[in-house]
Protein backbone atom coordinates (compact mmCIF):
# COMPACT_ATOMS: atom_id res chain seq x y z
CA UNK A 1 0.00 0.00 0.00
CA UNK A 2 1.18 3.51 -0.77
CA UNK A 3 1.46 5.64 2.36
CA UNK A 4 2.62 8.95 0.86
CA UNK A 5 4.00 10.62 -2.25
CA UNK A 6 6.34 13.61 -2.22
CA UNK A 7 7.65 15.84 -4.97
CA UNK A 8 10.82 17.57 -3.82
CA UNK A 9 13.35 19.83 -5.53
CA UNK A 10 17.14 19.44 -5.22
CA UNK A 11 17.22 22.03 -2.43
CA UNK A 12 15.03 19.74 -0.34
CA UNK A 13 11.89 21.87 -0.55
CA UNK A 14 8.68 19.88 -0.72
CA UNK A 15 6.66 21.02 -3.70
CA UNK A 16 3.81 18.55 -3.31
CA UNK A 17 2.86 16.03 -0.67
CA UNK A 18 -0.01 13.58 -0.67
CA UNK A 19 -0.66 11.27 2.30
CA UNK A 20 -2.82 8.18 2.18
CA UNK A 21 -2.80 7.62 5.93
CA UNK A 22 -3.28 9.99 8.83
CA UNK A 23 -0.01 11.65 9.89
CA UNK A 24 0.03 14.60 12.29
CA UNK A 25 1.23 17.88 10.79
CA UNK A 26 4.19 18.11 13.17
CA UNK A 27 5.29 14.60 12.28
CA UNK A 28 4.86 15.26 8.56
CA UNK A 29 7.54 17.95 8.57
CA UNK A 30 10.00 15.69 10.38
CA UNK A 31 9.15 12.72 8.15
CA UNK A 32 9.57 14.78 4.98
CA UNK A 33 12.87 16.25 6.17
CA UNK A 34 14.30 12.80 7.02
CA UNK A 35 13.07 11.20 3.81
CA UNK A 36 14.32 14.02 1.62
CA UNK A 37 17.70 14.15 3.35
CA UNK A 38 18.11 10.41 2.91
CA UNK A 39 17.19 10.39 -0.79
CA UNK A 40 19.14 13.51 -1.74
CA UNK A 41 22.29 12.15 -0.09
CA UNK A 42 22.32 9.05 -2.28
CA UNK A 43 24.45 8.81 -5.42
CA UNK A 44 22.96 8.13 -8.85
CA UNK A 45 24.67 4.73 -8.96
CA UNK A 46 22.83 3.56 -5.85
CA UNK A 47 19.54 1.70 -5.85
CA UNK A 48 16.35 3.77 -5.85
CA UNK A 49 14.81 1.69 -3.05
CA UNK A 50 15.57 2.63 0.56
CA UNK A 51 14.31 1.22 3.83
CA UNK A 52 13.24 3.91 6.28
CA UNK A 53 11.59 3.11 9.61
CA UNK A 54 8.26 1.37 8.84
CA UNK A 55 8.40 2.28 5.16
CA UNK A 56 10.18 1.32 2.01
CA UNK A 57 10.98 4.38 -0.08
CA UNK A 58 10.96 4.30 -3.86
CA UNK A 59 12.27 7.40 -5.57
CA UNK A 60 13.17 8.67 -9.01
CA UNK A 61 14.89 11.84 -10.08
CA UNK A 62 13.69 13.84 -13.07
CA UNK A 63 15.89 16.86 -13.78
CA UNK A 64 15.82 18.90 -10.55
CA UNK A 65 12.79 17.09 -9.13
CA UNK A 66 12.68 14.01 -6.93
CA UNK A 67 9.51 11.98 -6.59
CA UNK A 68 9.52 9.86 -3.44
CA UNK A 69 6.87 7.27 -2.58
CA UNK A 70 6.60 5.67 0.84
CA UNK A 71 5.14 2.16 0.73
CA UNK A 72 4.50 -0.77 3.06
CA UNK A 73 6.85 -3.73 3.16
CA UNK A 74 4.57 -6.02 1.14
CA UNK A 75 4.23 -3.60 -1.81
CA UNK A 76 6.18 -4.34 -4.99
CA UNK A 77 8.96 -1.75 -5.41
CA UNK A 78 9.24 -2.19 -9.17
CA UNK A 79 5.55 -1.57 -9.74
CA UNK A 80 5.81 1.65 -7.72
CA UNK A 81 8.95 2.62 -9.63
CA UNK A 82 7.00 2.24 -12.87
CA UNK A 83 4.01 4.08 -11.36
CA UNK A 84 6.27 7.07 -10.70
CA UNK A 85 7.48 6.97 -14.30
CA UNK A 86 3.90 6.73 -15.57
CA UNK A 87 2.93 9.67 -13.33
CA UNK A 88 5.72 11.77 -14.84
CA UNK A 89 4.68 10.77 -18.37
CA UNK A 90 1.10 11.85 -17.62
CA UNK A 91 2.35 15.17 -16.23
CA UNK A 92 4.51 15.64 -19.31
CA UNK A 93 1.57 14.85 -21.61
CA UNK A 94 -0.75 17.33 -19.90
CA UNK A 95 1.59 20.18 -18.97
CA UNK A 96 3.70 21.64 -21.71
CA UNK A 97 5.86 23.55 -19.26
CA UNK A 98 5.72 24.47 -15.59
CA UNK A 99 3.63 22.28 -13.31
CA UNK A 100 4.37 24.07 -10.04
CA UNK A 101 1.71 26.70 -10.75
CA UNK A 102 -0.90 24.01 -11.40
CA UNK A 103 -0.65 21.88 -8.28
CA UNK A 104 -4.43 21.55 -8.08
CA UNK A 105 -4.36 19.73 -11.42
CA UNK A 106 -1.45 17.56 -10.26
CA UNK A 107 -3.60 16.50 -7.30
CA UNK A 108 -6.43 15.62 -9.69
CA UNK A 109 -4.03 13.46 -11.70
CA UNK A 110 -2.82 11.73 -8.53
CA UNK A 111 -6.40 11.15 -7.41
CA UNK A 112 -7.18 9.50 -10.73
CA UNK A 113 -4.15 7.19 -10.39
CA UNK A 114 -4.16 6.37 -6.67
CA UNK A 115 -7.15 5.86 -4.39
CA UNK A 116 -6.71 5.21 -0.67
CA UNK A 117 -3.11 4.17 -1.24
CA UNK A 118 -3.88 1.69 -4.01
CA UNK A 119 -3.17 2.04 -7.72
CA UNK A 120 -6.48 2.24 -9.56
CA UNK A 121 -5.56 3.57 -13.01
CA UNK A 122 -2.47 3.63 -15.24
CA UNK A 123 -3.98 4.40 -18.64
CA UNK A 124 -2.84 7.91 -19.56
CA UNK A 125 -5.94 8.81 -21.58
CA UNK A 126 -8.33 7.73 -18.83
CA UNK A 127 -6.27 9.58 -16.21
CA UNK A 128 -6.39 12.80 -18.22
CA UNK A 129 -10.06 12.56 -19.26
CA UNK A 130 -11.46 14.48 -16.23
CA UNK A 131 -8.91 17.28 -16.65
CA UNK A 132 -9.58 17.58 -20.35
CA UNK A 133 -13.33 17.74 -19.63
CA UNK A 134 -12.71 20.51 -17.07
CA UNK A 135 -10.59 22.39 -19.59
CA UNK A 136 -13.37 22.15 -22.20
CA UNK A 137 -15.90 23.48 -19.71
CA UNK A 138 -13.60 26.37 -18.80
CA UNK A 139 -13.16 27.31 -22.47
CA UNK A 140 -16.89 27.52 -23.15
């Protein structure tokens, strides 16, 4: 099960966080700081799977952005690794440029892909359908 997803820049600033279990706000900041520090400190040659407390972390770097997913021990790391890549491909398909000013739409995309910590959709066209419908409504 997916517990959380973070998008973080190289400076360690969290750009987006989505939690699929209840975590107190004070603990979120500490969790994010530890997770980010641990992932940013790793070299590119090292594995993209890290064990951290009760979680396994799966992360990928795209340019200056890290996407980190915290999962339970029984979740398949490779499927999550591919989910992250699929997520980035969907973002790339929808946004031609900057996504940081459209975080509400990024949340919609995540909600289409992941529900209650479980992967529910991977088809790019079906993921983007609600956003494209919203865009059509906004144009008219």
